[in-house]
Protein backbone atom coordinates (compact mmCIF):
# COMPACT_ATOMS: atom_id res chain seq x y z
CA VAL A 1 -0.38 55.10 -151.59
CA SER A 2 1.25 54.91 -148.33
CA ASP A 3 4.45 55.79 -150.54
CA LYS A 4 2.72 58.09 -152.10
CA GLY A 5 1.51 60.01 -148.58
CA ASP A 6 5.39 59.82 -147.20
CA ASN A 7 6.43 61.42 -150.17
CA ILE A 8 3.90 63.96 -149.65
CA MET A 9 4.61 64.63 -145.82
CA LYS A 10 8.37 64.86 -146.65
CA LYS A 11 7.75 67.89 -149.02
CA THR A 12 5.61 69.42 -146.82
CA CYS A 13 8.15 69.44 -144.09
CA ILE A 14 11.07 69.88 -145.85
CA LEU A 15 8.86 73.32 -147.08
CA LEU A 16 8.27 74.19 -143.61
CA LEU A 17 11.90 74.03 -142.92
CA VAL A 18 12.25 75.91 -145.71
CA LEU A 19 9.84 78.98 -144.74
CA MET A 20 11.30 78.65 -140.97
CA LEU A 21 14.40 79.68 -142.01
CA LEU A 22 13.62 82.13 -144.41
CA LEU A 23 11.57 83.54 -141.50
CA LEU A 24 14.56 83.73 -139.14
CA GLY A 25 16.88 85.05 -141.59
CA VAL A 26 14.58 87.90 -141.77
CA ALA A 27 14.03 88.09 -138.08
CA CYS A 28 17.65 88.12 -136.99
CA SER A 29 18.64 90.55 -140.46
CA LYS A 30 18.69 93.28 -137.55
CA GLU A 31 20.38 93.01 -134.93
CA GLU A 32 17.97 95.35 -132.70
CA THR A 33 14.16 97.06 -133.31
CA ALA A 34 13.89 100.90 -134.37
CA GLU A 35 12.49 100.84 -130.28
CA GLN A 36 15.03 98.70 -129.03
CA ALA A 37 17.47 100.96 -130.21
CA THR A 38 16.04 104.05 -128.96
CA ILE A 39 16.24 102.85 -125.48
CA ASN A 40 20.04 101.81 -125.39
CA VAL A 41 20.44 105.19 -126.68
CA LEU A 42 18.20 107.24 -123.92
CA ASN A 43 20.01 104.56 -120.96
CA ALA A 44 23.20 105.51 -122.76
CA VAL A 45 21.97 109.86 -122.41
CA LYS A 46 21.32 109.08 -118.53
CA THR A 47 25.01 107.76 -118.45
CA LEU A 48 27.02 109.71 -120.87
CA ASP A 49 28.15 106.58 -122.69
CA GLU A 50 29.73 108.15 -125.54
CA ASP A 51 31.34 104.82 -127.01
CA THR A 52 27.19 103.28 -126.73
CA LEU A 53 25.87 106.66 -128.08
CA SER A 54 28.70 107.35 -130.84
CA LYS A 55 27.41 104.28 -132.26
CA TYR A 56 23.64 105.92 -132.91
CA MET A 57 24.54 109.74 -133.43
CA ASN A 58 27.24 111.77 -133.44
CA TYR A 59 27.70 112.73 -129.56
CA ASN A 60 28.69 116.11 -129.86
CA ASP A 61 25.11 116.43 -131.22
CA LEU A 62 23.82 116.06 -127.47
CA VAL A 63 26.04 117.81 -126.03
CA GLU A 64 26.77 121.34 -127.36
CA THR A 65 23.97 123.85 -126.98
CA ASN A 66 24.76 126.98 -129.29
CA GLU A 67 28.53 127.65 -130.88
CA ASP A 68 29.95 129.72 -127.68
CA GLY A 69 31.11 126.87 -126.21
CA ASN A 70 29.89 127.78 -122.36
CA ASP A 71 30.43 126.56 -118.81
CA LEU A 72 27.13 124.26 -119.45
CA GLU A 73 28.86 122.23 -122.28
CA SER A 74 31.07 121.10 -119.79
CA GLU A 75 31.48 117.56 -118.51
CA GLU A 76 30.55 117.64 -115.17
CA HIS A 77 27.25 120.28 -115.84
CA VAL A 78 26.25 117.92 -118.63
CA LYS A 79 25.96 114.85 -116.09
CA LYS A 80 24.40 117.14 -113.58
CA ILE A 81 21.73 117.37 -115.82
CA PHE A 82 21.33 113.54 -117.99
CA GLU A 83 21.50 111.72 -114.46
CA ASN A 84 18.08 112.62 -113.52
CA LEU A 85 16.24 111.79 -117.34
CA GLU A 86 14.00 109.19 -116.94
CA TYR A 87 11.46 107.80 -120.05
CA LYS A 88 8.83 106.08 -121.11
CA ILE A 89 7.61 104.74 -124.72
CA VAL A 90 4.97 105.42 -125.88
CA SER A 91 4.86 103.87 -129.03
CA SER A 92 6.94 102.90 -132.22
CA GLU A 93 6.74 102.45 -135.57
CA GLU A 94 8.92 101.25 -138.28
CA LYS A 95 8.38 101.89 -141.88
CA GLU A 96 10.93 100.21 -144.51
CA ASN A 97 14.14 102.35 -143.42
CA GLU A 98 12.82 104.85 -141.25
CA ALA A 99 11.41 104.60 -137.92
CA ILE A 100 9.32 106.91 -135.00
CA VAL A 101 9.57 106.32 -131.80
CA LYS A 102 7.21 108.27 -129.64
CA VAL A 103 8.83 108.70 -126.12
CA ASP A 104 8.10 111.31 -123.26
CA ILE A 105 11.08 112.49 -121.55
CA THR A 106 10.56 114.11 -117.79
CA ASN A 107 14.04 116.17 -116.43
CA ILE A 108 14.37 118.72 -114.43
CA ASP A 109 13.31 121.95 -115.01
CA MET A 110 16.22 123.60 -116.43
CA GLU A 111 14.32 127.05 -116.81
CA LYS A 112 14.12 127.43 -113.03
CA VAL A 113 17.73 125.63 -112.57
CA MET A 114 19.47 128.59 -114.58
CA ALA A 115 16.93 131.34 -113.33
CA GLU A 116 17.97 130.48 -110.07
CA THR A 117 21.53 130.02 -111.01
CA MET A 118 21.56 133.56 -112.70
CA LYS A 119 20.48 135.04 -109.96
CA SER A 120 22.82 133.92 -107.62
CA ALA A 121 25.57 135.16 -110.38
CA LEU A 122 24.00 138.64 -110.88
CA SER A 123 23.73 139.15 -107.05
CA GLU A 124 27.70 137.88 -106.50
CA ALA A 125 28.63 140.25 -109.68
CA PHE A 126 26.48 143.05 -108.04
CA SER A 127 28.73 143.11 -105.27
CA GLN A 128 32.36 142.65 -106.85
CA ALA A 129 31.24 145.52 -108.36
CA PHE A 130 32.01 147.50 -105.77
CA SER A 131 34.76 145.90 -104.64
CA SER A 132 38.05 147.11 -104.85
CA MET A 133 40.78 145.84 -107.84
CA ASP A 134 42.39 143.28 -105.06
CA GLU A 135 38.94 142.06 -103.80
CA GLN A 136 37.44 141.28 -107.46
CA GLN A 137 37.32 137.92 -107.84
CA SER A 138 39.87 136.14 -111.12
CA GLU A 139 37.75 134.88 -113.97
CA GLU A 140 38.56 131.07 -112.83
CA GLU A 141 37.59 131.62 -109.91
CA TYR A 142 34.15 133.67 -111.43
CA ASP A 143 33.92 130.43 -113.30
CA ASP A 144 34.16 128.14 -109.88
CA MET A 145 31.31 130.37 -108.04
CA PHE A 146 29.22 129.70 -111.08
CA ASN A 147 29.63 126.38 -111.14
CA GLU A 148 28.66 125.76 -107.58
CA TYR A 149 25.41 128.20 -108.22
CA PHE A 150 24.56 125.93 -110.46
CA ASN A 151 25.27 122.19 -108.62
CA ARG A 152 23.00 123.76 -105.54
CA ALA A 153 20.46 124.76 -108.36
CA ILE A 154 20.29 121.02 -109.68
CA VAL A 155 19.86 120.18 -105.68
CA ASN A 156 17.46 122.73 -105.33
CA ASN A 157 15.08 121.66 -108.25
CA LYS A 158 15.52 117.98 -108.16
CA ASP A 159 11.81 117.63 -107.89
CA SER A 160 10.56 120.36 -110.13
CA LYS A 161 10.39 117.70 -113.25
CA VAL A 162 9.32 119.06 -117.03
CA ILE A 163 7.45 116.47 -119.33
CA ASN A 164 8.28 116.80 -123.19
CA THR A 165 6.53 114.32 -125.34
CA VAL A 166 8.81 113.81 -129.03
CA ASP A 167 8.88 111.96 -132.13
CA ILE A 168 12.07 110.52 -132.14
CA LYS A 169 13.39 109.89 -136.06
CA LEU A 170 15.41 107.04 -136.90
CA THR A 171 17.32 105.74 -140.04
CA GLU A 172 18.14 102.57 -140.70
CA VAL A 173 21.62 102.95 -141.91
CA ASP A 174 23.77 99.46 -143.64
CA GLY A 175 21.17 97.29 -141.00
CA LYS A 176 21.44 99.89 -138.01
CA TRP A 177 19.70 102.06 -136.86
CA LYS A 178 21.46 105.72 -136.31
CA ILE A 179 19.41 108.03 -134.20
CA ASP A 180 18.26 111.81 -135.48
CA MET A 181 19.17 114.29 -132.23
CA ASP A 182 17.04 117.73 -133.87
CA ASP A 183 16.64 120.42 -131.57
CA ASP A 184 13.71 118.85 -129.86
CA LEU A 185 15.24 115.76 -128.55
CA GLN A 186 18.14 117.80 -127.64
CA ASN A 187 15.86 120.19 -125.38
CA ALA A 188 13.57 117.42 -123.83
CA LEU A 189 16.54 115.45 -122.39
CA MET A 190 17.80 118.18 -121.15
CA GLY A 191 14.37 119.28 -119.87
CA ASN A 192 14.42 123.02 -121.59
CA LEU A 193 17.72 124.04 -121.53
CA LEU A 194 17.73 124.39 -125.39
CA SER A 195 14.80 126.74 -125.40
CA VAL A 196 16.58 128.57 -121.87
CA VAL A 197 19.72 129.13 -124.19
CA LYS A 198 17.16 130.76 -126.98
CA GLN A 199 15.73 132.86 -125.01
CA PHE A 200 18.94 134.39 -123.61
CA GLU A 201 20.47 134.42 -127.21
CA GLU A 202 17.86 136.48 -128.15
CA VAL A 203 17.96 139.08 -125.34
CA LYS A 204 21.37 139.44 -126.28
CA GLU A 205 20.57 140.62 -129.69
CA VAL A 206 18.37 143.25 -128.44
CA PHE A 207 21.29 145.21 -126.39
CA GLU A 208 23.86 144.30 -129.73
């Protein structure tokens, strides 16, 4: 009887060990959860860590706001926009090879920043219109002036925040999560800058 009992115990222990190894293998099959991948991406956005971001997405999908390649896409401006980024994970849902992570994203209200920047730039342009040709700014000087107004507006509006709740979509490719950088996510990360640019383009089309 004792031999049978010992055999049963041994078989039970072996079965449990096999089950544990299988479960461990399943747990280790993915390097990270979709939620952790999202956290890694958002932290990398704050510091513009291109090496980390490239593991999850195309870096250009983050920094390009339109097809014209204006000054707002310069690295200096992008850093100013993202350094104040904050976020809070609301929920996370994984299903097979897809996942959705809902996040509250907070950043400086870029609508206010751009309104102040453009007001200062237009005022300067108006004064330049009455200057002689020798006194008018070169294109390089105008760009430097615009950068100065933009940086000043960022500081002046650092406490004006906007919160966007977005569903970040992820897809598992070869065991690694990839972020879908759609317009809603890009706009939220940039504090509604994408919305401002689209409004500007719509106004521009009216006068063309």
